[in-house]
Amino acid sequence: HVQLVESGGGLVQSGGSLSLSCAASGSIASMNFLGWFRQVPGKERELVARVDNGGNTVYGDSVRGRFTISRDNVKNTINLQMNVLKLEDTSVYYCYAGRHPFPAMDYWGKGTLVTVSS
């Protein structure tokens, strides 16, 4: 079993930056993929970024070049640095862990709200 707890969401102005962190515990070593997705009510889940056990990263088209995902294997955290935030980045952001690539997921957290204002 894996537990994931997100932190760092909040309100930020357009063009600003925000950093999210996800504390992972449990059988995290069995997960091949760790990452972030976001979801706005009424819309499908959207991959934000993910990192695999080899350190390879994949980003969603809408965030590539602005967001950076990192994994700290000592602290067991998955971090997301978000820069040049846009109004359309407003969403609930979830940390996830999975054995297979997104959209397959085995575990996810409760989410943290990011609101970008004009």
C-alpha atoms as a PDB file:
ATOM      1  CA  HIS A   1       0.000   0.000   0.000  1.00  0.00           C
ATOM      2  CA  VAL A   2       1.155   3.561  -0.762  1.00  0.00           C
ATOM      3  CA  GLN A   3       0.150   6.794   0.931  1.00  0.00           C
ATOM      4  CA  LEU A   4       0.507  10.142  -0.814  1.00  0.00           C
ATOM      5  CA  VAL A   5      -0.037  13.549   0.772  1.00  0.00           C
ATOM      6  CA  GLU A   6       0.171  16.743  -1.254  1.00  0.00           C
ATOM      7  CA  SER A   7       1.047  20.188   0.026  1.00  0.00           C
ATOM      8  CA  GLY A   8       1.860  23.612  -1.339  1.00  0.00           C
ATOM      9  CA  GLY A   9      -1.262  24.644  -3.188  1.00  0.00           C
ATOM     10  CA  GLY A  10      -2.729  28.097  -2.917  1.00  0.00           C
ATOM     11  CA  LEU A  11      -3.488  31.335  -4.691  1.00  0.00           C
ATOM     12  CA  VAL A  12      -0.980  32.908  -7.058  1.00  0.00           C
ATOM     13  CA  GLN A  13      -1.105  35.649  -9.634  1.00  0.00           C
ATOM     14  CA  SER A  14      -0.791  34.939 -13.306  1.00  0.00           C
ATOM     15  CA  GLY A  15       2.862  34.791 -14.271  1.00  0.00           C
ATOM     16  CA  GLY A  16       3.902  33.763 -10.789  1.00  0.00           C
ATOM     17  CA  SER A  17       5.385  30.570  -9.409  1.00  0.00           C
ATOM     18  CA  LEU A  18       4.309  27.927  -6.961  1.00  0.00           C
ATOM     19  CA  SER A  19       5.884  24.756  -5.675  1.00  0.00           C
ATOM     20  CA  LEU A  20       3.998  21.583  -4.802  1.00  0.00           C
ATOM     21  CA  SER A  21       5.322  18.680  -2.799  1.00  0.00           C
ATOM     22  CA  CYS A  22       4.058  15.164  -2.276  1.00  0.00           C
ATOM     23  CA  ALA A  23       5.149  13.042   0.667  1.00  0.00           C
ATOM     24  CA  ALA A  24       5.127   9.366  -0.223  1.00  0.00           C
ATOM     25  CA  SER A  25       5.188   6.447   2.178  1.00  0.00           C
ATOM     26  CA  GLY A  26       4.572   2.708   2.070  1.00  0.00           C
ATOM     27  CA  SER A  27       5.515   0.396  -0.782  1.00  0.00           C
ATOM     28  CA  ILE A  28       6.695   3.222  -3.005  1.00  0.00           C
ATOM     29  CA  ALA A  29       9.596   1.180  -4.372  1.00  0.00           C
ATOM     30  CA  SER A  30       7.127  -1.074  -6.181  1.00  0.00           C
ATOM     31  CA  MET A  31       5.788   1.856  -8.204  1.00  0.00           C
ATOM     32  CA  ASN A  32       7.443   2.479 -11.564  1.00  0.00           C
ATOM     33  CA  PHE A  33       5.892   5.888 -12.106  1.00  0.00           C
ATOM     34  CA  LEU A  34       5.371   8.853  -9.796  1.00  0.00           C
ATOM     35  CA  GLY A  35       3.835  12.079 -10.917  1.00  0.00           C
ATOM     36  CA  TRP A  36       1.166  14.712 -10.895  1.00  0.00           C
ATOM     37  CA  PHE A  37      -2.108  15.040 -12.691  1.00  0.00           C
ATOM     38  CA  ARG A  38      -4.774  17.695 -12.442  1.00  0.00           C
ATOM     39  CA  GLN A  39      -8.489  17.743 -12.823  1.00  0.00           C
ATOM     40  CA  VAL A  40     -11.101  20.451 -13.095  1.00  0.00           C
ATOM     41  CA  PRO A  41     -14.656  19.387 -12.196  1.00  0.00           C
ATOM     42  CA  GLY A  42     -16.442  18.128 -15.286  1.00  0.00           C
ATOM     43  CA  LYS A  43     -13.243  17.573 -17.223  1.00  0.00           C
ATOM     44  CA  GLU A  44     -10.954  14.594 -17.673  1.00  0.00           C
ATOM     45  CA  ARG A  45      -7.806  14.066 -15.716  1.00  0.00           C
ATOM     46  CA  GLU A  46      -4.801  15.662 -17.370  1.00  0.00           C
ATOM     47  CA  LEU A  47      -1.249  14.473 -16.936  1.00  0.00           C
ATOM     48  CA  VAL A  48       0.940  17.279 -15.646  1.00  0.00           C
ATOM     49  CA  ALA A  49       4.234  15.467 -15.265  1.00  0.00           C
ATOM     50  CA  ARG A  50       5.670  12.136 -14.283  1.00  0.00           C
ATOM     51  CA  VAL A  51       9.025  10.608 -13.508  1.00  0.00           C
ATOM     52  CA  ASP A  52       9.921   6.933 -13.742  1.00  0.00           C
ATOM     53  CA  ASN A  53      12.381   4.842 -11.766  1.00  0.00           C
ATOM     54  CA  GLY A  54      15.088   5.669 -14.263  1.00  0.00           C
ATOM     55  CA  GLY A  55      14.633   9.385 -13.724  1.00  0.00           C
ATOM     56  CA  ASN A  56      13.022   9.917 -17.106  1.00  0.00           C
ATOM     57  CA  THR A  57      10.396  12.647 -17.183  1.00  0.00           C
ATOM     58  CA  VAL A  58       7.323  13.296 -19.280  1.00  0.00           C
ATOM     59  CA  TYR A  59       5.308  16.503 -19.277  1.00  0.00           C
ATOM     60  CA  GLY A  60       1.870  17.394 -20.474  1.00  0.00           C
ATOM     61  CA  ASP A  61       1.841  19.571 -23.579  1.00  0.00           C
ATOM     62  CA  SER A  62       0.270  22.509 -21.772  1.00  0.00           C
ATOM     63  CA  VAL A  63       2.939  22.701 -19.059  1.00  0.00           C
ATOM     64  CA  ARG A  64       6.115  21.656 -20.860  1.00  0.00           C
ATOM     65  CA  GLY A  65       8.794  24.279 -20.450  1.00  0.00           C
ATOM     66  CA  ARG A  66       7.080  25.885 -17.461  1.00  0.00           C
ATOM     67  CA  PHE A  67       6.832  23.069 -14.918  1.00  0.00           C
ATOM     68  CA  THR A  68       9.572  20.849 -13.537  1.00  0.00           C
ATOM     69  CA  ILE A  69       9.095  17.587 -11.705  1.00  0.00           C
ATOM     70  CA  SER A  70      11.708  16.142  -9.391  1.00  0.00           C
ATOM     71  CA  ARG A  71      11.964  13.130  -7.173  1.00  0.00           C
ATOM     72  CA  ASP A  72      13.850  12.951  -3.897  1.00  0.00           C
ATOM     73  CA  ASN A  73      14.486   9.292  -3.125  1.00  0.00           C
ATOM     74  CA  VAL A  74      15.955  10.083   0.293  1.00  0.00           C
ATOM     75  CA  LYS A  75      13.044  12.162   1.521  1.00  0.00           C
ATOM     76  CA  ASN A  76      10.502  10.162  -0.530  1.00  0.00           C
ATOM     77  CA  THR A  77       8.983  13.263  -2.030  1.00  0.00           C
ATOM     78  CA  ILE A  78       7.807  14.159  -5.510  1.00  0.00           C
ATOM     79  CA  ASN A  79       8.057  17.869  -6.160  1.00  0.00           C
ATOM     80  CA  LEU A  80       6.538  20.057  -8.835  1.00  0.00           C
ATOM     81  CA  GLN A  81       7.922  23.506  -9.532  1.00  0.00           C
ATOM     82  CA  MET A  82       5.418  25.557 -11.478  1.00  0.00           C
ATOM     83  CA  ASN A  83       6.556  28.743 -13.177  1.00  0.00           C
ATOM     84  CA  VAL A  84       4.875  31.294 -15.436  1.00  0.00           C
ATOM     85  CA  LEU A  85       1.506  30.155 -14.194  1.00  0.00           C
ATOM     86  CA  LYS A  86      -1.507  30.852 -16.342  1.00  0.00           C
ATOM     87  CA  LEU A  87      -5.185  31.202 -15.535  1.00  0.00           C
ATOM     88  CA  GLU A  88      -5.832  27.846 -17.193  1.00  0.00           C
ATOM     89  CA  ASP A  89      -3.489  26.144 -14.713  1.00  0.00           C
ATOM     90  CA  THR A  90      -6.158  26.601 -12.062  1.00  0.00           C
ATOM     91  CA  SER A  91      -7.098  23.127 -10.943  1.00  0.00           C
ATOM     92  CA  VAL A  92      -6.849  20.543  -8.206  1.00  0.00           C
ATOM     93  CA  TYR A  93      -3.458  18.882  -8.456  1.00  0.00           C
ATOM     94  CA  TYR A  94      -3.033  15.285  -7.418  1.00  0.00           C
ATOM     95  CA  CYS A  95       0.098  13.287  -6.742  1.00  0.00           C
ATOM     96  CA  TYR A  96      -0.043   9.718  -8.021  1.00  0.00           C
ATOM     97  CA  ALA A  97       1.912   6.485  -8.102  1.00  0.00           C
ATOM     98  CA  GLY A  98       1.534   3.640 -10.536  1.00  0.00           C
ATOM     99  CA  ARG A  99       3.069   0.500 -11.942  1.00  0.00           C
ATOM    100  CA  HIS A 100       2.041   1.470 -15.467  1.00  0.00           C
ATOM    101  CA  PRO A 101       2.079   4.755 -17.428  1.00  0.00           C
ATOM    102  CA  PHE A 102      -0.671   7.346 -17.049  1.00  0.00           C
ATOM    103  CA  PRO A 103      -3.651   7.230 -17.210  1.00  0.00           C
ATOM    104  CA  ALA A 104      -3.214   4.013 -15.253  1.00  0.00           C
ATOM    105  CA  MET A 105      -2.715   4.774 -11.582  1.00  0.00           C
ATOM    106  CA  ASP A 106      -2.599   2.618  -8.500  1.00  0.00           C
ATOM    107  CA  TYR A 107      -2.653   5.314  -5.815  1.00  0.00           C
ATOM    108  CA  TRP A 108      -3.294   9.031  -5.600  1.00  0.00           C
ATOM    109  CA  GLY A 109      -3.562  11.654  -2.930  1.00  0.00           C
ATOM    110  CA  LYS A 110      -6.465  13.845  -1.918  1.00  0.00           C
ATOM    111  CA  GLY A 111      -5.236  16.739  -4.019  1.00  0.00           C
ATOM    112  CA  THR A 112      -4.277  20.340  -3.448  1.00  0.00           C
ATOM    113  CA  LEU A 113      -5.982  23.326  -5.042  1.00  0.00           C
ATOM    114  CA  VAL A 114      -4.004  25.753  -7.158  1.00  0.00           C
ATOM    115  CA  THR A 115      -5.777  28.952  -8.120  1.00  0.00           C
ATOM    116  CA  VAL A 116      -4.211  31.370 -10.574  1.00  0.00           C
ATOM    117  CA  SER A 117      -5.704  34.853 -10.581  1.00  0.00           C
ATOM    118  CA  SER A 118      -5.394  37.664 -13.091  1.00  0.00           C
END
